[in-house]
Every structure is written in C-alpha cells, then in structure tokens.
Amino acid sequence: MVSVKRLVLDILKPHQPNALEFSCTLAKVGDDYHVSLTVIEVDENTETIQVVIEGNNINFEAIQSAINDMSGSLHSIDVVEVQSEADKE
C-alpha cells in the first residue's frame, strides 16, 4: 500500500471563501492534515493560490471534491510525496 504524505497544488479560486476559510476547509478533510496556503496572484474575480497539504494518508479525491465544492479549480499537482508500507520499516 502507498500513502500520500504531501501535495503541493496550484489552484484558481474565487475571492470567497477567503484564504483562511479555504485552508480550514481543506484541513478538515482529514484528521491530521496540515495545510499551508500562499496567494500567488490576485485579479478582479479570482486568486491563484499554492496549497501545501501534509498528512499521514492524504485522500486526494476528497481534497479535490472540497476544492470543487468551494468553486475552486485545480490547475496542477506540482509536488507529490508518497510512502510505501515497505519504506516504513
């Protein structure tokens, strides 16, 4: 089995929810998720953000669903860290 430990995502989102609300919503997707959000660019209607999510076993589908529920659009997955069970020994 392989666990996703860290994701760095490039996301386009509307101004609302704000960065704090967006981060908190993503953090609540998992029991141990640590979320860091950086606003990269702002225009009249949207913000381009970089989101770093760290956790024991990140559920990418649930993260993507939460992004979509907040009217965000995942542009790219820029960094991925995974760990296999064999690596833990």
PDB file of N, CA and C in Angstrom:
ATOM      1  N   MET A   1       0.835  -1.185   0.000  1.00  0.00           N
ATOM      2  CA  MET A   1       0.000   0.000   0.000  1.00  0.00           C
ATOM      3  C   MET A   1       0.880   1.248   0.000  1.00  0.00           C
ATOM      4  N   VAL A   2       0.435   2.282  -0.689  1.00  0.00           N
ATOM      5  CA  VAL A   2       1.164   3.541  -0.771  1.00  0.00           C
ATOM      6  C   VAL A   2       0.323   4.645  -0.144  1.00  0.00           C
ATOM      7  N   SER A   3       0.945   5.446   0.703  1.00  0.00           N
ATOM      8  CA  SER A   3       0.266   6.567   1.351  1.00  0.00           C
ATOM      9  C   SER A   3       0.792   7.880   0.790  1.00  0.00           C
ATOM     10  N   VAL A   4      -0.114   8.798   0.510  1.00  0.00           N
ATOM     11  CA  VAL A   4       0.274  10.134   0.071  1.00  0.00           C
ATOM     12  C   VAL A   4       0.555  10.964   1.320  1.00  0.00           C
ATOM     13  N   LYS A   5       1.760  11.520   1.407  1.00  0.00           N
ATOM     14  CA  LYS A   5       2.195  12.262   2.590  1.00  0.00           C
ATOM     15  C   LYS A   5       2.176  13.770   2.397  1.00  0.00           C
ATOM     16  N   ARG A   6       2.382  14.228   1.139  1.00  0.00           N
ATOM     17  CA  ARG A   6       2.471  15.668   0.887  1.00  0.00           C
ATOM     18  C   ARG A   6       2.057  15.954  -0.538  1.00  0.00           C
ATOM     19  N   LEU A   7       1.255  17.021  -0.696  1.00  0.00           N
ATOM     20  CA  LEU A   7       0.846  17.504  -2.012  1.00  0.00           C
ATOM     21  C   LEU A   7       1.071  19.008  -2.076  1.00  0.00           C
ATOM     22  N   VAL A   8       1.545  19.469  -3.216  1.00  0.00           N
ATOM     23  CA  VAL A   8       1.604  20.900  -3.490  1.00  0.00           C
ATOM     24  C   VAL A   8       0.731  21.127  -4.715  1.00  0.00           C
ATOM     25  N   LEU A   9      -0.321  21.935  -4.532  1.00  0.00           N
ATOM     26  CA  LEU A   9      -1.333  22.119  -5.558  1.00  0.00           C
ATOM     27  C   LEU A   9      -1.401  23.576  -6.013  1.00  0.00           C
ATOM     28  N   ASP A  10      -1.573  23.766  -7.312  1.00  0.00           N
ATOM     29  CA  ASP A  10      -1.809  25.082  -7.895  1.00  0.00           C
ATOM     30  C   ASP A  10      -3.309  25.177  -8.171  1.00  0.00           C
ATOM     31  N   ILE A  11      -3.969  26.149  -7.546  1.00  0.00           N
ATOM     32  CA  ILE A  11      -5.426  26.234  -7.585  1.00  0.00           C
ATOM     33  C   ILE A  11      -5.854  27.656  -7.958  1.00  0.00           C
ATOM     34  N   LEU A  12      -6.898  27.739  -8.770  1.00  0.00           N
ATOM     35  CA  LEU A  12      -7.557  29.008  -9.049  1.00  0.00           C
ATOM     36  C   LEU A  12      -8.865  29.015  -8.279  1.00  0.00           C
ATOM     37  N   LYS A  13      -9.113  30.075  -7.497  1.00  0.00           N
ATOM     38  CA  LYS A  13     -10.329  30.144  -6.685  1.00  0.00           C
ATOM     39  C   LYS A  13     -10.929  31.538  -6.749  1.00  0.00           C
ATOM     40  N   PRO A  14     -12.236  31.655  -6.493  1.00  0.00           N
ATOM     41  CA  PRO A  14     -12.839  32.984  -6.374  1.00  0.00           C
ATOM     42  C   PRO A  14     -12.363  33.644  -5.074  1.00  0.00           C
ATOM     43  N   HIS A  15     -12.613  34.948  -4.931  1.00  0.00           N
ATOM     44  CA  HIS A  15     -12.182  35.661  -3.716  1.00  0.00           C
ATOM     45  C   HIS A  15     -12.855  35.110  -2.459  1.00  0.00           C
ATOM     46  N   GLN A  16     -14.053  34.587  -2.596  1.00  0.00           N
ATOM     47  CA  GLN A  16     -14.755  33.988  -1.459  1.00  0.00           C
ATOM     48  C   GLN A  16     -14.970  32.511  -1.725  1.00  0.00           C
ATOM     49  N   PRO A  17     -14.640  31.617  -0.826  1.00  0.00           N
ATOM     50  CA  PRO A  17     -14.180  31.886   0.529  1.00  0.00           C
ATOM     51  C   PRO A  17     -12.759  32.461   0.531  1.00  0.00           C
ATOM     52  N   ASN A  18     -12.445  33.200   1.596  1.00  0.00           N
ATOM     53  CA  ASN A  18     -11.113  33.795   1.691  1.00  0.00           C
ATOM     54  C   ASN A  18     -10.073  32.702   1.980  1.00  0.00           C
ATOM     55  N   ALA A  19      -8.815  33.094   1.998  1.00  0.00           N
ATOM     56  CA  ALA A  19      -7.713  32.131   2.149  1.00  0.00           C
ATOM     57  C   ALA A  19      -7.811  31.336   3.455  1.00  0.00           C
ATOM     58  N   LEU A  20      -8.200  31.990   4.542  1.00  0.00           N
ATOM     59  CA  LEU A  20      -8.309  31.299   5.821  1.00  0.00           C
ATOM     60  C   LEU A  20      -9.416  30.250   5.792  1.00  0.00           C
ATOM     61  N   GLU A  21     -10.578  30.636   5.294  1.00  0.00           N
ATOM     62  CA  GLU A  21     -11.697  29.688   5.212  1.00  0.00           C
ATOM     63  C   GLU A  21     -11.365  28.528   4.271  1.00  0.00           C
ATOM     64  N   PHE A  22     -10.730  28.829   3.156  1.00  0.00           N
ATOM     65  CA  PHE A  22     -10.358  27.797   2.181  1.00  0.00           C
ATOM     66  C   PHE A  22      -9.398  26.794   2.836  1.00  0.00           C
ATOM     67  N   SER A  23      -8.379  27.301   3.526  1.00  0.00           N
ATOM     68  CA  SER A  23      -7.397  26.435   4.192  1.00  0.00           C
ATOM     69  C   SER A  23      -8.036  25.574   5.274  1.00  0.00           C
ATOM     70  N   CYS A  24      -8.885  26.187   6.086  1.00  0.00           N
ATOM     71  CA  CYS A  24      -9.548  25.446   7.166  1.00  0.00           C
ATOM     72  C   CYS A  24     -10.429  24.335   6.620  1.00  0.00           C
ATOM     73  N   THR A  25     -11.138  24.616   5.540  1.00  0.00           N
ATOM     74  CA  THR A  25     -11.995  23.594   4.937  1.00  0.00           C
ATOM     75  C   THR A  25     -11.171  22.423   4.444  1.00  0.00           C
ATOM     76  N   LEU A  26     -10.033  22.701   3.810  1.00  0.00           N
ATOM     77  CA  LEU A  26      -9.173  21.606   3.342  1.00  0.00           C
ATOM     78  C   LEU A  26      -8.582  20.828   4.511  1.00  0.00           C
ATOM     79  N   ALA A  27      -8.205  21.520   5.574  1.00  0.00           N
ATOM     80  CA  ALA A  27      -7.622  20.849   6.733  1.00  0.00           C
ATOM     81  C   ALA A  27      -8.626  19.900   7.389  1.00  0.00           C
ATOM     82  N   LYS A  28      -9.914  20.272   7.356  1.00  0.00           N
ATOM     83  CA  LYS A  28     -10.946  19.446   7.971  1.00  0.00           C
ATOM     84  C   LYS A  28     -11.244  18.165   7.190  1.00  0.00           C
ATOM     85  N   VAL A  29     -10.735  18.056   5.977  1.00  0.00           N
ATOM     86  CA  VAL A  29     -10.975  16.852   5.171  1.00  0.00           C
ATOM     87  C   VAL A  29     -10.331  15.631   5.827  1.00  0.00           C
ATOM     88  N   GLY A  30      -9.197  15.815   6.481  1.00  0.00           N
ATOM     89  CA  GLY A  30      -8.510  14.712   7.150  1.00  0.00           C
ATOM     90  C   GLY A  30      -8.304  14.999   8.618  1.00  0.00           C
ATOM     91  N   ASP A  31      -8.062  13.946   9.383  1.00  0.00           N
ATOM     92  CA  ASP A  31      -7.877  14.093  10.831  1.00  0.00           C
ATOM     93  C   ASP A  31      -6.563  14.765  11.208  1.00  0.00           C
ATOM     94  N   ASP A  32      -5.544  14.607  10.355  1.00  0.00           N
ATOM     95  CA  ASP A  32      -4.216  15.114  10.711  1.00  0.00           C
ATOM     96  C   ASP A  32      -3.608  16.008   9.629  1.00  0.00           C
ATOM     97  N   TYR A  33      -4.446  16.613   8.805  1.00  0.00           N
ATOM     98  CA  TYR A  33      -3.924  17.416   7.692  1.00  0.00           C
ATOM     99  C   TYR A  33      -3.370  18.752   8.187  1.00  0.00           C
ATOM    100  N   HIS A  34      -2.187  19.067   7.692  1.00  0.00           N
ATOM    101  CA  HIS A  34      -1.567  20.370   7.910  1.00  0.00           C
ATOM    102  C   HIS A  34      -1.609  21.082   6.561  1.00  0.00           C
ATOM    103  N   VAL A  35      -2.208  22.262   6.514  1.00  0.00           N
ATOM    104  CA  VAL A  35      -2.404  22.985   5.258  1.00  0.00           C
ATOM    105  C   VAL A  35      -1.707  24.345   5.337  1.00  0.00           C
ATOM    106  N   SER A  36      -0.940  24.643   4.291  1.00  0.00           N
ATOM    107  CA  SER A  36      -0.298  25.943   4.148  1.00  0.00           C
ATOM    108  C   SER A  36      -0.734  26.520   2.808  1.00  0.00           C
ATOM    109  N   LEU A  37      -1.213  27.757   2.809  1.00  0.00           N
ATOM    110  CA  LEU A  37      -1.720  28.386   1.588  1.00  0.00           C
ATOM    111  C   LEU A  37      -0.963  29.676   1.333  1.00  0.00           C
ATOM    112  N   THR A  38      -0.539  29.870   0.088  1.00  0.00           N
ATOM    113  CA  THR A  38       0.122  31.097  -0.338  1.00  0.00           C
ATOM    114  C   THR A  38      -0.636  31.673  -1.518  1.00  0.00           C
ATOM    115  N   VAL A  39      -1.007  32.949  -1.423  1.00  0.00           N
ATOM    116  CA  VAL A  39      -1.649  33.624  -2.552  1.00  0.00           C
ATOM    117  C   VAL A  39      -0.541  34.065  -3.506  1.00  0.00           C
ATOM    118  N   ILE A  40      -0.638  33.602  -4.752  1.00  0.00           N
ATOM    119  CA  ILE A  40       0.385  33.889  -5.759  1.00  0.00           C
ATOM    120  C   ILE A  40       0.003  35.102  -6.604  1.00  0.00           C
ATOM    121  N   GLU A  41      -1.270  35.170  -6.981  1.00  0.00           N
ATOM    122  CA  GLU A  41      -1.726  36.244  -7.864  1.00  0.00           C
ATOM    123  C   GLU A  41      -3.196  36.543  -7.587  1.00  0.00           C
ATOM    124  N   VAL A  42      -3.557  37.813  -7.700  1.00  0.00           N
ATOM    125  CA  VAL A  42      -4.935  38.244  -7.483  1.00  0.00           C
ATOM    126  C   VAL A  42      -5.362  39.064  -8.692  1.00  0.00           C
ATOM    127  N   ASP A  43      -6.546  38.770  -9.225  1.00  0.00           N
ATOM    128  CA  ASP A  43      -7.118  39.636 -10.243  1.00  0.00           C
ATOM    129  C   ASP A  43      -8.511  40.065  -9.793  1.00  0.00           C
ATOM    130  N   GLU A  44      -9.277  40.608 -10.689  1.00  0.00           N
ATOM    131  CA  GLU A  44     -10.572  41.184 -10.318  1.00  0.00           C
ATOM    132  C   GLU A  44     -11.532  40.174  -9.685  1.00  0.00           C
ATOM    133  N   ASN A  45     -11.554  38.938 -10.199  1.00  0.00           N
ATOM    134  CA  ASN A  45     -12.532  37.948  -9.736  1.00  0.00           C
ATOM    135  C   ASN A  45     -11.938  36.719  -9.058  1.00  0.00           C
ATOM    136  N   THR A  46     -10.645  36.473  -9.234  1.00  0.00           N
ATOM    137  CA  THR A  46     -10.062  35.217  -8.757  1.00  0.00           C
ATOM    138  C   THR A  46      -8.712  35.423  -8.090  1.00  0.00           C
ATOM    139  N   GLU A  47      -8.258  34.358  -7.445  1.00  0.00           N
ATOM    140  CA  GLU A  47      -6.925  34.303  -6.845  1.00  0.00           C
ATOM    141  C   GLU A  47      -6.261  33.007  -7.279  1.00  0.00           C
ATOM    142  N   THR A  48      -5.002  33.086  -7.636  1.00  0.00           N
ATOM    143  CA  THR A  48      -4.204  31.896  -7.869  1.00  0.00           C
ATOM    144  C   THR A  48      -3.461  31.614  -6.567  1.00  0.00           C
ATOM    145  N   ILE A  49      -3.610  30.384  -6.072  1.00  0.00           N
ATOM    146  CA  ILE A  49      -3.001  30.037  -4.794  1.00  0.00           C
ATOM    147  C   ILE A  49      -2.175  28.759  -4.928  1.00  0.00           C
ATOM    148  N   GLN A  50      -1.198  28.646  -4.060  1.00  0.00           N
ATOM    149  CA  GLN A  50      -0.441  27.398  -3.920  1.00  0.00           C
ATOM    150  C   GLN A  50      -0.785  26.831  -2.554  1.00  0.00           C
ATOM    151  N   VAL A  51      -1.220  25.579  -2.540  1.00  0.00           N
ATOM    152  CA  VAL A  51      -1.618  24.933  -1.296  1.00  0.00           C
ATOM    153  C   VAL A  51      -0.715  23.729  -1.054  1.00  0.00           C
ATOM    154  N   VAL A  52      -0.139  23.686   0.133  1.00  0.00           N
ATOM    155  CA  VAL A  52       0.667  22.537   0.551  1.00  0.00           C
ATOM    156  C   VAL A  52      -0.136  21.791   1.608  1.00  0.00           C
ATOM    157  N   ILE A  53      -0.371  20.508   1.363  1.00  0.00           N
ATOM    158  CA  ILE A  53      -1.111  19.672   2.307  1.00  0.00           C
ATOM    159  C   ILE A  53      -0.195  18.539   2.746  1.00  0.00           C
ATOM    160  N   GLU A  54      -0.060  18.366   4.061  1.00  0.00           N
ATOM    161  CA  GLU A  54       0.742  17.288   4.614  1.00  0.00           C
ATOM    162  C   GLU A  54      -0.120  16.487   5.573  1.00  0.00           C
ATOM    163  N   GLY A  55       0.077  15.180   5.565  1.00  0.00           N
ATOM    164  CA  GLY A  55      -0.680  14.308   6.446  1.00  0.00           C
ATOM    165  C   GLY A  55      -0.199  12.883   6.326  1.00  0.00           C
ATOM    166  N   ASN A  56      -0.760  12.011   7.150  1.00  0.00           N
ATOM    167  CA  ASN A  56      -0.371  10.605   7.181  1.00  0.00           C
ATOM    168  C   ASN A  56      -0.790   9.838   5.943  1.00  0.00           C
ATOM    169  N   ASN A  57      -2.010  10.089   5.486  1.00  0.00           N
ATOM    170  CA  ASN A  57      -2.547   9.373   4.321  1.00  0.00           C
ATOM    171  C   ASN A  57      -3.570  10.278   3.650  1.00  0.00           C
ATOM    172  N   ILE A  58      -3.102  11.200   2.819  1.00  0.00           N
ATOM    173  CA  ILE A  58      -3.963  12.213   2.214  1.00  0.00           C
ATOM    174  C   ILE A  58      -4.887  11.564   1.192  1.00  0.00           C
ATOM    175  N   ASN A  59      -6.159  11.895   1.301  1.00  0.00           N
ATOM    176  CA  ASN A  59      -7.172  11.398   0.373  1.00  0.00           C
ATOM    177  C   ASN A  59      -7.334  12.451  -0.725  1.00  0.00           C
ATOM    178  N   PHE A  60      -6.669  12.239  -1.861  1.00  0.00           N
ATOM    179  CA  PHE A  60      -6.669  13.227  -2.934  1.00  0.00           C
ATOM    180  C   PHE A  60      -8.068  13.480  -3.474  1.00  0.00           C
ATOM    181  N   GLU A  61      -8.863  12.425  -3.634  1.00  0.00           N
ATOM    182  CA  GLU A  61     -10.210  12.590  -4.174  1.00  0.00           C
ATOM    183  C   GLU A  61     -11.058  13.483  -3.266  1.00  0.00           C
ATOM    184  N   ALA A  62     -10.934  13.317  -1.960  1.00  0.00           N
ATOM    185  CA  ALA A  62     -11.687  14.141  -1.016  1.00  0.00           C
ATOM    186  C   ALA A  62     -11.203  15.593  -1.052  1.00  0.00           C
ATOM    187  N   ILE A  63      -9.912  15.790  -1.203  1.00  0.00           N
ATOM    188  CA  ILE A  63      -9.351  17.148  -1.328  1.00  0.00           C
ATOM    189  C   ILE A  63      -9.889  17.807  -2.591  1.00  0.00           C
ATOM    190  N   GLN A  64      -9.842  17.073  -3.703  1.00  0.00           N
ATOM    191  CA  GLN A  64     -10.329  17.617  -4.968  1.00  0.00           C
ATOM    192  C   GLN A  64     -11.818  17.959  -4.887  1.00  0.00           C
ATOM    193  N   SER A  65     -12.589  17.130  -4.228  1.00  0.00           N
ATOM    194  CA  SER A  65     -14.013  17.387  -4.049  1.00  0.00           C
ATOM    195  C   SER A  65     -14.241  18.651  -3.226  1.00  0.00           C
ATOM    196  N   ALA A  66     -13.464  18.839  -2.163  1.00  0.00           N
ATOM    197  CA  ALA A  66     -13.594  20.036  -1.330  1.00  0.00           C
ATOM    198  C   ALA A  66     -13.234  21.293  -2.119  1.00  0.00           C
ATOM    199  N   ILE A  67     -12.206  21.207  -2.943  1.00  0.00           N
ATOM    200  CA  ILE A  67     -11.820  22.340  -3.792  1.00  0.00           C
ATOM    201  C   ILE A  67     -12.969  22.694  -4.734  1.00  0.00           C
ATOM    202  N   ASN A  68     -13.542  21.686  -5.380  1.00  0.00           N
ATOM    203  CA  ASN A  68     -14.655  21.912  -6.304  1.00  0.00           C
ATOM    204  C   ASN A  68     -15.869  22.487  -5.581  1.00  0.00           C
ATOM    205  N   ASP A  69     -16.150  22.003  -4.365  1.00  0.00           N
ATOM    206  CA  ASP A  69     -17.286  22.494  -3.586  1.00  0.00           C
ATOM    207  C   ASP A  69     -17.148  23.977  -3.242  1.00  0.00           C
ATOM    208  N   MET A  70     -15.903  24.464  -3.178  1.00  0.00           N
ATOM    209  CA  MET A  70     -15.662  25.879  -2.885  1.00  0.00           C
ATOM    210  C   MET A  70     -15.471  26.692  -4.168  1.00  0.00           C
ATOM    211  N   SER A  71     -15.856  26.112  -5.307  1.00  0.00           N
ATOM    212  CA  SER A  71     -15.764  26.748  -6.625  1.00  0.00           C
ATOM    213  C   SER A  71     -14.332  26.985  -7.071  1.00  0.00           C
ATOM    214  N   GLY A  72     -13.410  26.194  -6.543  1.00  0.00           N
ATOM    215  CA  GLY A  72     -12.026  26.280  -6.976  1.00  0.00           C
ATOM    216  C   GLY A  72     -11.770  25.352  -8.141  1.00  0.00           C
ATOM    217  N   SER A  73     -10.656  25.579  -8.808  1.00  0.00           N
ATOM    218  CA  SER A  73     -10.263  24.757  -9.947  1.00  0.00           C
ATOM    219  C   SER A  73      -8.804  24.339  -9.779  1.00  0.00           C
ATOM    220  N   LEU A  74      -8.565  23.041  -9.724  1.00  0.00           N
ATOM    221  CA  LEU A  74      -7.206  22.526  -9.588  1.00  0.00           C
ATOM    222  C   LEU A  74      -6.500  22.658 -10.928  1.00  0.00           C
ATOM    223  N   HIS A  75      -5.460  23.475 -10.982  1.00  0.00           N
ATOM    224  CA  HIS A  75      -4.696  23.652 -12.213  1.00  0.00           C
ATOM    225  C   HIS A  75      -3.634  22.585 -12.381  1.00  0.00           C
ATOM    226  N   SER A  76      -2.920  22.271 -11.296  1.00  0.00           N
ATOM    227  CA  SER A  76      -1.866  21.266 -11.408  1.00  0.00           C
ATOM    228  C   SER A  76      -1.481  20.731 -10.041  1.00  0.00           C
ATOM    229  N   ILE A  77      -0.914  19.542 -10.073  1.00  0.00           N
ATOM    230  CA  ILE A  77      -0.286  18.947  -8.898  1.00  0.00           C
ATOM    231  C   ILE A  77       1.205  19.154  -9.117  1.00  0.00           C
ATOM    232  N   ASP A  78       1.824  20.023  -8.333  1.00  0.00           N
ATOM    233  CA  ASP A  78       3.208  20.418  -8.575  1.00  0.00           C
ATOM    234  C   ASP A  78       4.236  19.558  -7.848  1.00  0.00           C
ATOM    235  N   VAL A  79       3.863  19.026  -6.687  1.00  0.00           N
ATOM    236  CA  VAL A  79       4.776  18.175  -5.914  1.00  0.00           C
ATOM    237  C   VAL A  79       3.951  17.089  -5.247  1.00  0.00           C
ATOM    238  N   VAL A  80       4.490  15.870  -5.244  1.00  0.00           N
ATOM    239  CA  VAL A  80       3.848  14.744  -4.559  1.00  0.00           C
ATOM    240  C   VAL A  80       4.917  13.997  -3.780  1.00  0.00           C
ATOM    241  N   GLU A  81       4.604  13.667  -2.538  1.00  0.00           N
ATOM    242  CA  GLU A  81       5.443  12.769  -1.746  1.00  0.00           C
ATOM    243  C   GLU A  81       4.581  11.601  -1.304  1.00  0.00           C
ATOM    244  N   VAL A  82       5.046  10.400  -1.576  1.00  0.00           N
ATOM    245  CA  VAL A  82       4.324   9.193  -1.174  1.00  0.00           C
ATOM    246  C   VAL A  82       5.284   8.286  -0.419  1.00  0.00           C
ATOM    247  N   GLN A  83       4.694   7.342   0.323  1.00  0.00           N
ATOM    248  CA  GLN A  83       5.491   6.383   1.076  1.00  0.00           C
ATOM    249  C   GLN A  83       4.804   5.029   1.004  1.00  0.00           C
ATOM    250  N   SER A  84       5.587   4.004   0.682  1.00  0.00           N
ATOM    251  CA  SER A  84       5.025   2.674   0.668  1.00  0.00           C
ATOM    252  C   SER A  84       5.180   2.043   2.043  1.00  0.00           C
ATOM    253  N   GLU A  85       4.388   1.009   2.299  1.00  0.00           N
ATOM    254  CA  GLU A  85       4.478   0.304   3.583  1.00  0.00           C
ATOM    255  C   GLU A  85       5.894  -0.215   3.826  1.00  0.00           C
ATOM    256  N   ALA A  86       6.543  -0.690   2.799  1.00  0.00           N
ATOM    257  CA  ALA A  86       7.893  -1.234   2.940  1.00  0.00           C
ATOM    258  C   ALA A  86       8.871  -0.151   3.398  1.00  0.00           C
ATOM    259  N   ASP A  87       8.640   1.128   3.004  1.00  0.00           N
ATOM    260  CA  ASP A  87       9.500   2.241   3.397  1.00  0.00           C
ATOM    261  C   ASP A  87       9.421   2.523   4.889  1.00  0.00           C
ATOM    262  N   LYS A  88       8.333   2.154   5.538  1.00  0.00           N
ATOM    263  CA  LYS A  88       8.128   2.478   6.949  1.00  0.00           C
ATOM    264  C   LYS A  88       8.933   1.597   7.882  1.00  0.00           C
ATOM    265  N   GLU A  89       9.420   0.495   7.394  1.00  0.00           N
ATOM    266  CA  GLU A  89      10.142  -0.446   8.268  1.00  0.00           C
ATOM    267  C   GLU A  89      11.540   0.025   8.569  1.00  0.00           C
TER     268      GLU A  89
END
